[in-house]
Amino acid sequence: MTNEARDKALDEALWKFHQRNKHDRFFGTAELHYQGGQIVRIKKQETLTPQDLLRITDR
C-alpha cells in the first residue's frame, strides 16, 4: 500500500469513527494524539449515565 493510499484509508477510518460516535450518541471524550503531524493514537473515554447502565443491562 502506498503512503497516499494508507493516508486515505486512515482518513476514512477516522471519519467512520467520528460518524459512529455521533450516530450512537456517544457522551465522553476522544483524544487525538499527534506525532510528526500525523495521528498516532486515539484515546476514547465514555461516560455512562444511570439510563445507559439500564439500557446496557436490558432492564
PDB file of N, CA and C in Angstrom:
ATOM      1  N   MET A   1       0.858  -1.174   0.000  1.00  0.00           N
ATOM      2  CA  MET A   1       0.000   0.000   0.000  1.00  0.00           C
ATOM      3  C   MET A   1       0.905   1.239   0.000  1.00  0.00           C
ATOM      4  N   THR A   2       0.620   2.150  -0.874  1.00  0.00           N
ATOM      5  CA  THR A   2       1.407   3.382  -0.943  1.00  0.00           C
ATOM      6  C   THR A   2       1.053   4.294   0.233  1.00  0.00           C
ATOM      7  N   ASN A   3       1.917   5.247   0.497  1.00  0.00           N
ATOM      8  CA  ASN A   3       1.649   6.195   1.583  1.00  0.00           C
ATOM      9  C   ASN A   3       0.362   6.969   1.338  1.00  0.00           C
ATOM     10  N   GLU A   4       0.123   7.332   0.088  1.00  0.00           N
ATOM     11  CA  GLU A   4      -1.097   8.075  -0.242  1.00  0.00           C
ATOM     12  C   GLU A   4      -2.337   7.230   0.015  1.00  0.00           C
ATOM     13  N   ALA A   5      -2.300   5.964  -0.378  1.00  0.00           N
ATOM     14  CA  ALA A   5      -3.434   5.066  -0.161  1.00  0.00           C
ATOM     15  C   ALA A   5      -3.634   4.813   1.335  1.00  0.00           C
ATOM     16  N   ARG A   6      -2.527   4.672   2.065  1.00  0.00           N
ATOM     17  CA  ARG A   6      -2.602   4.457   3.510  1.00  0.00           C
ATOM     18  C   ARG A   6      -3.220   5.676   4.193  1.00  0.00           C
ATOM     19  N   ASP A   7      -2.775   6.867   3.819  1.00  0.00           N
ATOM     20  CA  ASP A   7      -3.321   8.093   4.400  1.00  0.00           C
ATOM     21  C   ASP A   7      -4.812   8.220   4.117  1.00  0.00           C
ATOM     22  N   LYS A   8      -5.222   7.869   2.899  1.00  0.00           N
ATOM     23  CA  LYS A   8      -6.640   7.945   2.538  1.00  0.00           C
ATOM     24  C   LYS A   8      -7.453   6.947   3.366  1.00  0.00           C
ATOM     25  N   ALA A   9      -6.925   5.729   3.538  1.00  0.00           N
ATOM     26  CA  ALA A   9      -7.621   4.711   4.325  1.00  0.00           C
ATOM     27  C   ALA A   9      -7.753   5.152   5.784  1.00  0.00           C
ATOM     28  N   LEU A  10      -6.700   5.761   6.326  1.00  0.00           N
ATOM     29  CA  LEU A  10      -6.750   6.235   7.710  1.00  0.00           C
ATOM     30  C   LEU A  10      -7.722   7.398   7.866  1.00  0.00           C
ATOM     31  N   ASP A  11      -7.763   8.291   6.884  1.00  0.00           N
ATOM     32  CA  ASP A  11      -8.730   9.396   6.914  1.00  0.00           C
ATOM     33  C   ASP A  11     -10.158   8.863   6.917  1.00  0.00           C
ATOM     34  N   GLU A  12     -10.417   7.860   6.083  1.00  0.00           N
ATOM     35  CA  GLU A  12     -11.756   7.261   6.022  1.00  0.00           C
ATOM     36  C   GLU A  12     -12.100   6.568   7.337  1.00  0.00           C
ATOM     37  N   ALA A  13     -11.121   5.886   7.933  1.00  0.00           N
ATOM     38  CA  ALA A  13     -11.358   5.203   9.207  1.00  0.00           C
ATOM     39  C   ALA A  13     -11.669   6.206  10.313  1.00  0.00           C
ATOM     40  N   LEU A  14     -10.952   7.327  10.331  1.00  0.00           N
ATOM     41  CA  LEU A  14     -11.209   8.354  11.341  1.00  0.00           C
ATOM     42  C   LEU A  14     -12.597   8.958  11.151  1.00  0.00           C
ATOM     43  N   TRP A  15     -12.990   9.181   9.904  1.00  0.00           N
ATOM     44  CA  TRP A  15     -14.324   9.721   9.627  1.00  0.00           C
ATOM     45  C   TRP A  15     -15.406   8.734  10.074  1.00  0.00           C
ATOM     46  N   LYS A  16     -15.214   7.440   9.812  1.00  0.00           N
ATOM     47  CA  LYS A  16     -16.182   6.425  10.238  1.00  0.00           C
ATOM     48  C   LYS A  16     -16.267   6.365  11.765  1.00  0.00           C
ATOM     49  N   PHE A  17     -15.114   6.486  12.434  1.00  0.00           N
ATOM     50  CA  PHE A  17     -15.067   6.517  13.902  1.00  0.00           C
ATOM     51  C   PHE A  17     -15.912   7.680  14.420  1.00  0.00           C
ATOM     52  N   HIS A  18     -15.731   8.847  13.822  1.00  0.00           N
ATOM     53  CA  HIS A  18     -16.492  10.042  14.217  1.00  0.00           C
ATOM     54  C   HIS A  18     -17.987   9.842  13.962  1.00  0.00           C
ATOM     55  N   GLN A  19     -18.339   9.348  12.799  1.00  0.00           N
ATOM     56  CA  GLN A  19     -19.749   9.160  12.452  1.00  0.00           C
ATOM     57  C   GLN A  19     -20.417   8.131  13.360  1.00  0.00           C
ATOM     58  N   ARG A  20     -19.701   7.042  13.693  1.00  0.00           N
ATOM     59  CA  ARG A  20     -20.266   6.023  14.577  1.00  0.00           C
ATOM     60  C   ARG A  20     -20.538   6.616  15.961  1.00  0.00           C
ATOM     61  N   ASN A  21     -19.594   7.399  16.469  1.00  0.00           N
ATOM     62  CA  ASN A  21     -19.797   8.025  17.777  1.00  0.00           C
ATOM     63  C   ASN A  21     -20.970   8.994  17.741  1.00  0.00           C
ATOM     64  N   LYS A  22     -21.093   9.736  16.668  1.00  0.00           N
ATOM     65  CA  LYS A  22     -22.202  10.683  16.519  1.00  0.00           C
ATOM     66  C   LYS A  22     -23.539   9.936  16.444  1.00  0.00           C
ATOM     67  N   HIS A  23     -23.592   8.878  15.650  1.00  0.00           N
ATOM     68  CA  HIS A  23     -24.821   8.090  15.476  1.00  0.00           C
ATOM     69  C   HIS A  23     -25.226   7.405  16.778  1.00  0.00           C
ATOM     70  N   ASP A  24     -24.237   6.904  17.530  1.00  0.00           N
ATOM     71  CA  ASP A  24     -24.516   6.192  18.783  1.00  0.00           C
ATOM     72  C   ASP A  24     -24.746   7.139  19.951  1.00  0.00           C
ATOM     73  N   ARG A  25     -24.741   8.448  19.676  1.00  0.00           N
ATOM     74  CA  ARG A  25     -24.921   9.469  20.703  1.00  0.00           C
ATOM     75  C   ARG A  25     -23.891   9.315  21.819  1.00  0.00           C
ATOM     76  N   PHE A  26     -22.660   9.103  21.415  1.00  0.00           N
ATOM     77  CA  PHE A  26     -21.527   8.963  22.328  1.00  0.00           C
ATOM     78  C   PHE A  26     -21.425  10.179  23.243  1.00  0.00           C
ATOM     79  N   PHE A  27     -21.214   9.935  24.541  1.00  0.00           N
ATOM     80  CA  PHE A  27     -21.012  11.014  25.504  1.00  0.00           C
ATOM     81  C   PHE A  27     -19.709  10.722  26.230  1.00  0.00           C
ATOM     82  N   GLY A  28     -18.709  11.523  25.985  1.00  0.00           N
ATOM     83  CA  GLY A  28     -17.411  11.327  26.610  1.00  0.00           C
ATOM     84  C   GLY A  28     -16.369  12.147  25.875  1.00  0.00           C
ATOM     85  N   THR A  29     -15.136  11.669  25.906  1.00  0.00           N
ATOM     86  CA  THR A  29     -14.057  12.380  25.229  1.00  0.00           C
ATOM     87  C   THR A  29     -13.327  11.445  24.277  1.00  0.00           C
ATOM     88  N   ALA A  30     -12.822  12.028  23.216  1.00  0.00           N
ATOM     89  CA  ALA A  30     -11.947  11.316  22.281  1.00  0.00           C
ATOM     90  C   ALA A  30     -10.733  12.214  22.069  1.00  0.00           C
ATOM     91  N   GLU A  31      -9.570  11.723  22.470  1.00  0.00           N
ATOM     92  CA  GLU A  31      -8.334  12.489  22.341  1.00  0.00           C
ATOM     93  C   GLU A  31      -7.560  11.982  21.134  1.00  0.00           C
ATOM     94  N   LEU A  32      -7.113  12.903  20.307  1.00  0.00           N
ATOM     95  CA  LEU A  32      -6.260  12.554  19.177  1.00  0.00           C
ATOM     96  C   LEU A  32      -4.829  12.904  19.557  1.00  0.00           C
ATOM     97  N   HIS A  33      -3.927  11.944  19.458  1.00  0.00           N
ATOM     98  CA  HIS A  33      -2.519  12.166  19.778  1.00  0.00           C
ATOM     99  C   HIS A  33      -1.738  12.239  18.470  1.00  0.00           C
ATOM    100  N   TYR A  34      -1.021  13.329  18.296  1.00  0.00           N
ATOM    101  CA  TYR A  34      -0.263  13.581  17.068  1.00  0.00           C
ATOM    102  C   TYR A  34       1.231  13.430  17.314  1.00  0.00           C
ATOM    103  N   GLN A  35       1.920  12.962  16.294  1.00  0.00           N
ATOM    104  CA  GLN A  35       3.379  12.931  16.296  1.00  0.00           C
ATOM    105  C   GLN A  35       3.830  13.148  14.864  1.00  0.00           C
ATOM    106  N   GLY A  36       4.668  14.122  14.668  1.00  0.00           N
ATOM    107  CA  GLY A  36       5.154  14.400  13.318  1.00  0.00           C
ATOM    108  C   GLY A  36       4.047  14.789  12.356  1.00  0.00           C
ATOM    109  N   GLY A  37       3.004  15.440  12.876  1.00  0.00           N
ATOM    110  CA  GLY A  37       1.914  15.885  12.019  1.00  0.00           C
ATOM    111  C   GLY A  37       0.906  14.807  11.663  1.00  0.00           C
ATOM    112  N   GLN A  38       1.031  13.621  12.267  1.00  0.00           N
ATOM    113  CA  GLN A  38       0.096  12.536  11.971  1.00  0.00           C
ATOM    114  C   GLN A  38      -0.509  12.010  13.265  1.00  0.00           C
ATOM    115  N   ILE A  39      -1.727  11.523  13.168  1.00  0.00           N
ATOM    116  CA  ILE A  39      -2.379  10.914  14.328  1.00  0.00           C
ATOM    117  C   ILE A  39      -1.716   9.568  14.578  1.00  0.00           C
ATOM    118  N   VAL A  40      -1.241   9.370  15.810  1.00  0.00           N
ATOM    119  CA  VAL A  40      -0.589   8.108  16.152  1.00  0.00           C
ATOM    120  C   VAL A  40      -1.405   7.285  17.147  1.00  0.00           C
ATOM    121  N   ARG A  41      -2.400   7.930  17.775  1.00  0.00           N
ATOM    122  CA  ARG A  41      -3.194   7.215  18.765  1.00  0.00           C
ATOM    123  C   ARG A  41      -4.486   7.991  19.003  1.00  0.00           C
ATOM    124  N   ILE A  42      -5.554   7.249  19.265  1.00  0.00           N
ATOM    125  CA  ILE A  42      -6.828   7.853  19.656  1.00  0.00           C
ATOM    126  C   ILE A  42      -7.224   7.221  20.981  1.00  0.00           C
ATOM    127  N   LYS A  43      -7.511   8.056  21.956  1.00  0.00           N
ATOM    128  CA  LYS A  43      -7.947   7.582  23.268  1.00  0.00           C
ATOM    129  C   LYS A  43      -9.408   7.978  23.436  1.00  0.00           C
ATOM    130  N   LYS A  44     -10.259   6.987  23.664  1.00  0.00           N
ATOM    131  CA  LYS A  44     -11.692   7.228  23.805  1.00  0.00           C
ATOM    132  C   LYS A  44     -12.107   6.880  25.231  1.00  0.00           C
ATOM    133  N   GLN A  45     -12.786   7.819  25.877  1.00  0.00           N
ATOM    134  CA  GLN A  45     -13.272   7.608  27.230  1.00  0.00           C
ATOM    135  C   GLN A  45     -14.751   7.945  27.246  1.00  0.00           C
ATOM    136  N   GLU A  46     -15.564   6.982  27.660  1.00  0.00           N
ATOM    137  CA  GLU A  46     -17.011   7.166  27.630  1.00  0.00           C
ATOM    138  C   GLU A  46     -17.556   7.354  29.040  1.00  0.00           C
ATOM    139  N   THR A  47     -18.539   8.215  29.161  1.00  0.00           N
ATOM    140  CA  THR A  47     -19.222   8.456  30.423  1.00  0.00           C
ATOM    141  C   THR A  47     -20.601   7.815  30.339  1.00  0.00           C
ATOM    142  N   LEU A  48     -20.948   7.020  31.338  1.00  0.00           N
ATOM    143  CA  LEU A  48     -22.237   6.343  31.349  1.00  0.00           C
ATOM    144  C   LEU A  48     -23.157   6.991  32.375  1.00  0.00           C
ATOM    145  N   THR A  49     -24.392   7.183  31.982  1.00  0.00           N
ATOM    146  CA  THR A  49     -25.419   7.684  32.892  1.00  0.00           C
ATOM    147  C   THR A  49     -26.182   6.479  33.451  1.00  0.00           C
ATOM    148  N   PRO A  50     -26.975   6.669  34.502  1.00  0.00           N
ATOM    149  CA  PRO A  50     -27.779   5.555  35.005  1.00  0.00           C
ATOM    150  C   PRO A  50     -28.680   4.944  33.913  1.00  0.00           C
ATOM    151  N   GLN A  51     -29.217   5.784  33.023  1.00  0.00           N
ATOM    152  CA  GLN A  51     -30.053   5.274  31.934  1.00  0.00           C
ATOM    153  C   GLN A  51     -29.230   4.390  30.989  1.00  0.00           C
ATOM    154  N   ASP A  52     -27.971   4.760  30.754  1.00  0.00           N
ATOM    155  CA  ASP A  52     -27.099   3.941  29.911  1.00  0.00           C
ATOM    156  C   ASP A  52     -26.903   2.562  30.527  1.00  0.00           C
ATOM    157  N   LEU A  53     -26.690   2.528  31.833  1.00  0.00           N
ATOM    158  CA  LEU A  53     -26.489   1.245  32.507  1.00  0.00           C
ATOM    159  C   LEU A  53     -27.722   0.367  32.395  1.00  0.00           C
ATOM    160  N   LEU A  54     -28.900   0.964  32.539  1.00  0.00           N
ATOM    161  CA  LEU A  54     -30.135   0.192  32.394  1.00  0.00           C
ATOM    162  C   LEU A  54     -30.288  -0.325  30.972  1.00  0.00           C
ATOM    163  N   ARG A  55     -29.953   0.503  30.001  1.00  0.00           N
ATOM    164  CA  ARG A  55     -30.048   0.089  28.596  1.00  0.00           C
ATOM    165  C   ARG A  55     -29.074  -1.053  28.304  1.00  0.00           C
ATOM    166  N   ILE A  56     -27.873  -0.956  28.824  1.00  0.00           N
ATOM    167  CA  ILE A  56     -26.851  -1.976  28.582  1.00  0.00           C
ATOM    168  C   ILE A  56     -27.265  -3.310  29.190  1.00  0.00           C
ATOM    169  N   THR A  57     -27.876  -3.259  30.364  1.00  0.00           N
ATOM    170  CA  THR A  57     -28.279  -4.495  31.036  1.00  0.00           C
ATOM    171  C   THR A  57     -29.688  -4.931  30.649  1.00  0.00           C
ATOM    172  N   ASP A  58     -30.316  -4.205  29.708  1.00  0.00           N
ATOM    173  CA  ASP A  58     -31.661  -4.541  29.201  1.00  0.00           C
ATOM    174  C   ASP A  58     -32.716  -4.588  30.303  1.00  0.00           C
ATOM    175  N   ARG A  59     -32.675  -3.628  31.194  1.00  0.00           N
ATOM    176  CA  ARG A  59     -33.688  -3.595  32.262  1.00  0.00           C
ATOM    177  C   ARG A  59     -34.605  -2.439  32.058  1.00  0.00           C
TER     178      ARG A  59
END
